[in-house]
C-alpha atoms as a PDB file:
ATOM      1  CA  MET A   1      40.688  58.171 193.168  1.00  0.00           C
ATOM      2  CA  LEU A   2      43.732  59.860 194.270  1.00  0.00           C
ATOM      3  CA  GLY A   3      45.535  58.379 192.041  1.00  0.00           C
ATOM      4  CA  ASP A   4      43.366  59.881 189.296  1.00  0.00           C
ATOM      5  CA  ALA A   5      43.450  63.029 190.871  1.00  0.00           C
ATOM      6  CA  LYS A   6      47.194  63.411 190.918  1.00  0.00           C
ATOM      7  CA  ALA A   7      47.939  62.189 187.301  1.00  0.00           C
ATOM      8  CA  ALA A   8      45.185  65.244 186.362  1.00  0.00           C
ATOM      9  CA  LEU A   9      47.393  67.798 189.035  1.00  0.00           C
ATOM     10  CA  ILE A  10      50.701  66.756 187.235  1.00  0.00           C
ATOM     11  CA  ASP A  11      49.732  66.745 183.349  1.00  0.00           C
ATOM     12  CA  ALA A  12      48.204  69.856 183.939  1.00  0.00           C
ATOM     13  CA  CYS A  13      51.026  71.352 186.059  1.00  0.00           C
ATOM     14  CA  THR A  14      52.968  69.807 182.620  1.00  0.00           C
ATOM     15  CA  VAL A  15      50.846  71.372 180.238  1.00  0.00           C
ATOM     16  CA  ALA A  16      51.193  74.775 182.070  1.00  0.00           C
ATOM     17  CA  ASP A  17      54.662  74.264 181.346  1.00  0.00           C
ATOM     18  CA  MET A  18      55.276  75.011 185.476  1.00  0.00           C
ATOM     19  CA  GLY A  19      52.810  77.951 185.897  1.00  0.00           C
ATOM     20  CA  ARG A  20      54.831  80.055 182.538  1.00  0.00           C
ATOM     21  CA  ILE A  21      51.251  79.424 180.223  1.00  0.00           C
ATOM     22  CA  ALA A  22      48.569  81.973 182.053  1.00  0.00           C
ATOM     23  CA  GLU A  23      45.600  80.326 179.960  1.00  0.00           C
ATOM     24  CA  PHE A  24      46.731  77.194 181.334  1.00  0.00           C
ATOM     25  CA  ARG A  25      46.612  78.092 185.539  1.00  0.00           C
ATOM     26  CA  PRO A  26      42.881  77.645 185.810  1.00  0.00           C
ATOM     27  CA  SER A  27      42.918  74.202 185.095  1.00  0.00           C
ATOM     28  CA  VAL A  28      45.976  73.830 187.512  1.00  0.00           C
ATOM     29  CA  LEU A  29      43.910  75.196 189.800  1.00  0.00           C
ATOM     30  CA  GLU A  30      40.478  73.442 189.208  1.00  0.00           C
ATOM     31  CA  ALA A  31      43.350  70.263 189.343  1.00  0.00           C
ATOM     32  CA  ILE A  32      44.538  71.328 192.941  1.00  0.00           C
ATOM     33  CA  GLU A  33      40.922  71.910 194.219  1.00  0.00           C
ATOM     34  CA  GLN A  34      40.357  68.263 193.628  1.00  0.00           C
ATOM     35  CA  ILE A  35      43.497  67.135 195.110  1.00  0.00           C
ATOM     36  CA  GLU A  36      43.265  69.092 198.361  1.00  0.00           C
ATOM     37  CA  PRO A  37      40.811  67.448 199.955  1.00  0.00           C
ATOM     38  CA  LEU A  38      41.860  64.072 199.625  1.00  0.00           C
ATOM     39  CA  ASN A  39      44.717  65.627 201.703  1.00  0.00           C
ATOM     40  CA  PRO A  40      47.138  62.026 203.633  1.00  0.00           C
ATOM     41  CA  THR A  41      48.203  64.829 205.429  1.00  0.00           C
ATOM     42  CA  PRO A  42      46.121  66.982 207.156  1.00  0.00           C
ATOM     43  CA  LYS A  43      48.496  68.243 209.536  1.00  0.00           C
ATOM     44  CA  PRO A  44      52.026  68.032 208.001  1.00  0.00           C
ATOM     45  CA  LEU A  45      54.109  69.855 210.677  1.00  0.00           C
ATOM     46  CA  GLU A  46      53.388  66.617 212.993  1.00  0.00           C
ATOM     47  CA  ALA A  47      54.849  64.299 210.205  1.00  0.00           C
ATOM     48  CA  PRO A  48      58.155  66.115 209.830  1.00  0.00           C
ATOM     49  CA  ASP A  49      59.600  62.447 208.212  1.00  0.00           C
ATOM     50  CA  LEU A  50      57.620  63.525 205.125  1.00  0.00           C
ATOM     51  CA  LEU A  51      57.782  66.813 204.917  1.00  0.00           C
ATOM     52  CA  THR A  52      61.471  66.895 204.860  1.00  0.00           C
ATOM     53  CA  GLY A  53      63.273  66.411 201.843  1.00  0.00           C
ATOM     54  CA  CYS A  54      64.014  68.256 198.768  1.00  0.00           C
ATOM     55  CA  TRP A  55      61.125  68.872 196.680  1.00  0.00           C
ATOM     56  CA  ARG A  56      61.450  70.401 192.675  1.00  0.00           C
ATOM     57  CA  LEU A  57      58.722  72.798 191.204  1.00  0.00           C
ATOM     58  CA  ILE A  58      56.424  71.544 188.859  1.00  0.00           C
ATOM     59  CA  TYR A  59      54.291  74.748 189.277  1.00  0.00           C
ATOM     60  CA  THR A  60      53.485  78.366 191.051  1.00  0.00           C
ATOM     61  CA  THR A  61      51.860  81.086 190.069  1.00  0.00           C
ATOM     62  CA  SER A  62      54.760  83.318 190.983  1.00  0.00           C
ATOM     63  CA  ASP A  63      56.289  85.233 188.380  1.00  0.00           C
ATOM     64  CA  SER A  64      59.242  86.427 190.074  1.00  0.00           C
ATOM     65  CA  ILE A  65      59.968  82.473 190.895  1.00  0.00           C
ATOM     66  CA  LEU A  66      59.524  81.498 187.582  1.00  0.00           C
ATOM     67  CA  GLY A  67      61.470  84.591 186.621  1.00  0.00           C
ATOM     68  CA  THR A  68      58.966  85.566 183.022  1.00  0.00           C
ATOM     69  CA  THR A  69      60.196  88.831 183.520  1.00  0.00           C
ATOM     70  CA  ARG A  70      63.754  88.579 184.098  1.00  0.00           C
ATOM     71  CA  PRO A  71      65.601  87.928 180.128  1.00  0.00           C
ATOM     72  CA  ARG A  72      66.127  84.550 178.808  1.00  0.00           C
ATOM     73  CA  PRO A  73      69.742  83.449 180.749  1.00  0.00           C
ATOM     74  CA  PHE A  74      68.712  85.157 184.338  1.00  0.00           C
ATOM     75  CA  ARG A  75      65.726  82.454 184.048  1.00  0.00           C
ATOM     76  CA  PRO A  76      65.384  79.247 186.045  1.00  0.00           C
ATOM     77  CA  ARG A  77      66.269  76.717 184.362  1.00  0.00           C
ATOM     78  CA  TYR A  78      63.741  73.903 183.814  1.00  0.00           C
ATOM     79  CA  LYS A  79      63.158  71.422 186.509  1.00  0.00           C
ATOM     80  CA  ARG A  80      66.061  73.166 188.508  1.00  0.00           C
ATOM     81  CA  ILE A  81      63.701  75.161 190.907  1.00  0.00           C
ATOM     82  CA  LEU A  82      63.810  73.716 193.941  1.00  0.00           C
ATOM     83  CA  GLN A  83      63.156  73.649 197.612  1.00  0.00           C
ATOM     84  CA  SER A  84      64.995  71.859 200.624  1.00  0.00           C
ATOM     85  CA  ILE A  85      63.312  70.928 203.517  1.00  0.00           C
ATOM     86  CA  ASP A  86      64.472  70.342 207.315  1.00  0.00           C
ATOM     87  CA  ALA A  87      61.396  69.457 209.312  1.00  0.00           C
ATOM     88  CA  ARG A  88      62.922  68.887 212.170  1.00  0.00           C
ATOM     89  CA  GLN A  89      65.321  72.039 212.607  1.00  0.00           C
ATOM     90  CA  LEU A  90      62.751  74.718 210.860  1.00  0.00           C
ATOM     91  CA  ALA A  91      64.983  75.366 208.349  1.00  0.00           C
ATOM     92  CA  ALA A  92      64.137  75.795 204.352  1.00  0.00           C
ATOM     93  CA  LYS A  93      66.673  76.078 201.211  1.00  0.00           C
ATOM     94  CA  ASN A  94      65.425  76.819 198.094  1.00  0.00           C
ATOM     95  CA  GLU A  95      67.965  77.131 195.226  1.00  0.00           C
ATOM     96  CA  GLU A  96      67.177  78.266 191.544  1.00  0.00           C
ATOM     97  CA  TRP A  97      69.819  77.267 188.333  1.00  0.00           C
ATOM     98  CA  VAL A  98      70.351  80.483 186.190  1.00  0.00           C
ATOM     99  CA  LEU A  99      72.921  81.289 183.295  1.00  0.00           C
ATOM    100  CA  LEU A 100      72.510  77.654 181.189  1.00  0.00           C
ATOM    101  CA  GLY A 101      73.028  76.148 184.880  1.00  0.00           C
ATOM    102  CA  LEU A 102      75.909  77.252 185.375  1.00  0.00           C
ATOM    103  CA  LEU A 103      75.039  79.833 188.316  1.00  0.00           C
ATOM    104  CA  LYS A 104      73.013  79.081 191.631  1.00  0.00           C
ATOM    105  CA  ASN A 105      71.451  81.372 193.682  1.00  0.00           C
ATOM    106  CA  MET A 106      69.722  80.629 196.465  1.00  0.00           C
ATOM    107  CA  VAL A 107      67.477  81.876 199.855  1.00  0.00           C
ATOM    108  CA  ARG A 108      68.011  80.315 203.268  1.00  0.00           C
ATOM    109  CA  ALA A 109      65.370  80.434 205.965  1.00  0.00           C
ATOM    110  CA  ARG A 110      63.530  79.713 208.868  1.00  0.00           C
ATOM    111  CA  LEU A 111      60.507  78.153 209.849  1.00  0.00           C
ATOM    112  CA  THR A 112      58.155  78.630 212.689  1.00  0.00           C
ATOM    113  CA  PRO A 113      55.212  76.995 212.682  1.00  0.00           C
ATOM    114  CA  ARG A 114      52.016  77.735 213.471  1.00  0.00           C
ATOM    115  CA  ASP A 115      49.034  76.359 215.636  1.00  0.00           C
ATOM    116  CA  ASP A 116      47.175  74.601 212.799  1.00  0.00           C
ATOM    117  CA  GLY A 117      50.041  71.479 211.710  1.00  0.00           C
ATOM    118  CA  ARG A 118      50.165  73.315 208.412  1.00  0.00           C
ATOM    119  CA  THR A 119      51.335  76.575 208.229  1.00  0.00           C
ATOM    120  CA  VAL A 120      54.707  78.074 208.760  1.00  0.00           C
ATOM    121  CA  ASP A 121      55.861  81.559 208.794  1.00  0.00           C
ATOM    122  CA  VAL A 122      58.922  81.591 206.735  1.00  0.00           C
ATOM    123  CA  GLN A 123      61.839  84.687 207.811  1.00  0.00           C
ATOM    124  CA  PHE A 124      63.880  84.813 204.979  1.00  0.00           C
ATOM    125  CA  LEU A 125      68.165  84.896 206.560  1.00  0.00           C
ATOM    126  CA  ARG A 126      70.463  84.103 203.816  1.00  0.00           C
ATOM    127  CA  PHE A 127      69.929  85.512 200.016  1.00  0.00           C
ATOM    128  CA  GLY A 128      73.280  83.815 197.505  1.00  0.00           C
ATOM    129  CA  ILE A 129      74.174  84.677 193.846  1.00  0.00           C
ATOM    130  CA  GLY A 130      76.362  82.129 192.904  1.00  0.00           C
ATOM    131  CA  TRP A 131      79.332  82.687 195.375  1.00  0.00           C
ATOM    132  CA  LEU A 132      78.053  86.201 197.139  1.00  0.00           C
ATOM    133  CA  ARG A 133      76.276  85.908 200.111  1.00  0.00           C
ATOM    134  CA  ILE A 134      73.852  88.867 201.558  1.00  0.00           C
ATOM    135  CA  PRO A 135      71.972  88.528 204.766  1.00  0.00           C
ATOM    136  CA  ALA A 136      68.134  88.777 203.979  1.00  0.00           C
ATOM    137  CA  PRO A 137      66.156  92.109 205.126  1.00  0.00           C
ATOM    138  CA  ALA A 138      63.866  91.389 208.294  1.00  0.00           C
ATOM    139  CA  ALA A 139      60.763  92.013 205.469  1.00  0.00           C
ATOM    140  CA  ALA A 140      62.162  89.141 203.823  1.00  0.00           C
ATOM    141  CA  LYS A 141      59.128  87.229 204.977  1.00  0.00           C
ATOM    142  CA  GLY A 142      56.489  84.830 204.264  1.00  0.00           C
ATOM    143  CA  VAL A 143      53.676  82.487 205.188  1.00  0.00           C
ATOM    144  CA  LEU A 144      53.032  79.201 203.928  1.00  0.00           C
ATOM    145  CA  GLU A 145      50.551  76.866 204.334  1.00  0.00           C
ATOM    146  CA  THR A 146      50.821  73.047 203.434  1.00  0.00           C
ATOM    147  CA  THR A 147      47.633  72.255 201.828  1.00  0.00           C
ATOM    148  CA  TYR A 148      48.066  69.078 200.481  1.00  0.00           C
ATOM    149  CA  LEU A 149      51.412  66.086 201.424  1.00  0.00           C
ATOM    150  CA  ASP A 150      51.941  62.758 200.864  1.00  0.00           C
ATOM    151  CA  ASP A 151      55.246  61.268 200.178  1.00  0.00           C
ATOM    152  CA  THR A 152      55.727  61.801 196.712  1.00  0.00           C
ATOM    153  CA  LEU A 153      53.815  65.256 196.324  1.00  0.00           C
ATOM    154  CA  ARG A 154      53.354  68.969 197.871  1.00  0.00           C
ATOM    155  CA  VAL A 155      51.305  70.621 197.111  1.00  0.00           C
ATOM    156  CA  SER A 156      51.212  74.695 198.904  1.00  0.00           C
ATOM    157  CA  ARG A 157      49.618  77.921 199.393  1.00  0.00           C
ATOM    158  CA  GLY A 158      51.198  80.967 199.970  1.00  0.00           C
ATOM    159  CA  ASP A 159      50.314  84.267 202.067  1.00  0.00           C
ATOM    160  CA  LYS A 160      50.376  86.522 198.449  1.00  0.00           C
ATOM    161  CA  GLY A 161      48.085  84.377 197.065  1.00  0.00           C
ATOM    162  CA  ASN A 162      50.352  82.172 195.150  1.00  0.00           C
ATOM    163  CA  LEU A 163      50.204  78.577 194.311  1.00  0.00           C
ATOM    164  CA  PHE A 164      53.273  75.890 194.669  1.00  0.00           C
ATOM    165  CA  VAL A 165      53.106  72.090 192.835  1.00  0.00           C
ATOM    166  CA  LEU A 166      56.136  70.197 194.474  1.00  0.00           C
ATOM    167  CA  VAL A 167      57.543  66.905 193.713  1.00  0.00           C
ATOM    168  CA  ARG A 168      59.878  65.075 195.764  1.00  0.00           C
ATOM    169  CA  ASP A 169      63.448  65.172 194.213  1.00  0.00           C
ATOM    170  CA  GLY A 170      65.623  63.140 196.883  1.00  0.00           C
ATOM    171  CA  PRO A 171      66.704  64.272 200.345  1.00  0.00           C
ATOM    172  CA  SER A 172      66.981  67.227 201.542  1.00  0.00           C
ATOM    173  CA  ARG A 173      69.803  69.432 201.067  1.00  0.00           C
ATOM    174  CA  VAL A 174      69.404  72.047 204.545  1.00  0.00           C
END
């Protein structure tokens, strides 16, 4: 049952082109709602070795992360939106590659756990655009709840209503 639910979610994310094809977003939401009750790790923050790693984004409802309004050369490359987490150090780094993969943008963040074992407050610290590093404003923050976590798949919900589906892509790059 879990294997079928995971396969259905990954297939739905693929059909939705990471979320770029809006008419397929309802089917991804349905697949997410099917897998969340099967979460083998109800308190991901209490499983830091499982949460820590580099995760590749395969789906999001965040148009800003997908870069849908940016000119085509400045949209992130497919399979090149990564999120690294170090759950023990409470640090994260998001990376994306644009301009045919020649330019890397990134942001570093500090994570502050909440008491439920699955939610963190995210304070962005520094943005990087290519070689340029810019301190993040104090207002650059959010909340992220991990609603499903196993050794290969992570589903999270953001405070602005966005959904994120990620697959493990190796060790953390933080």
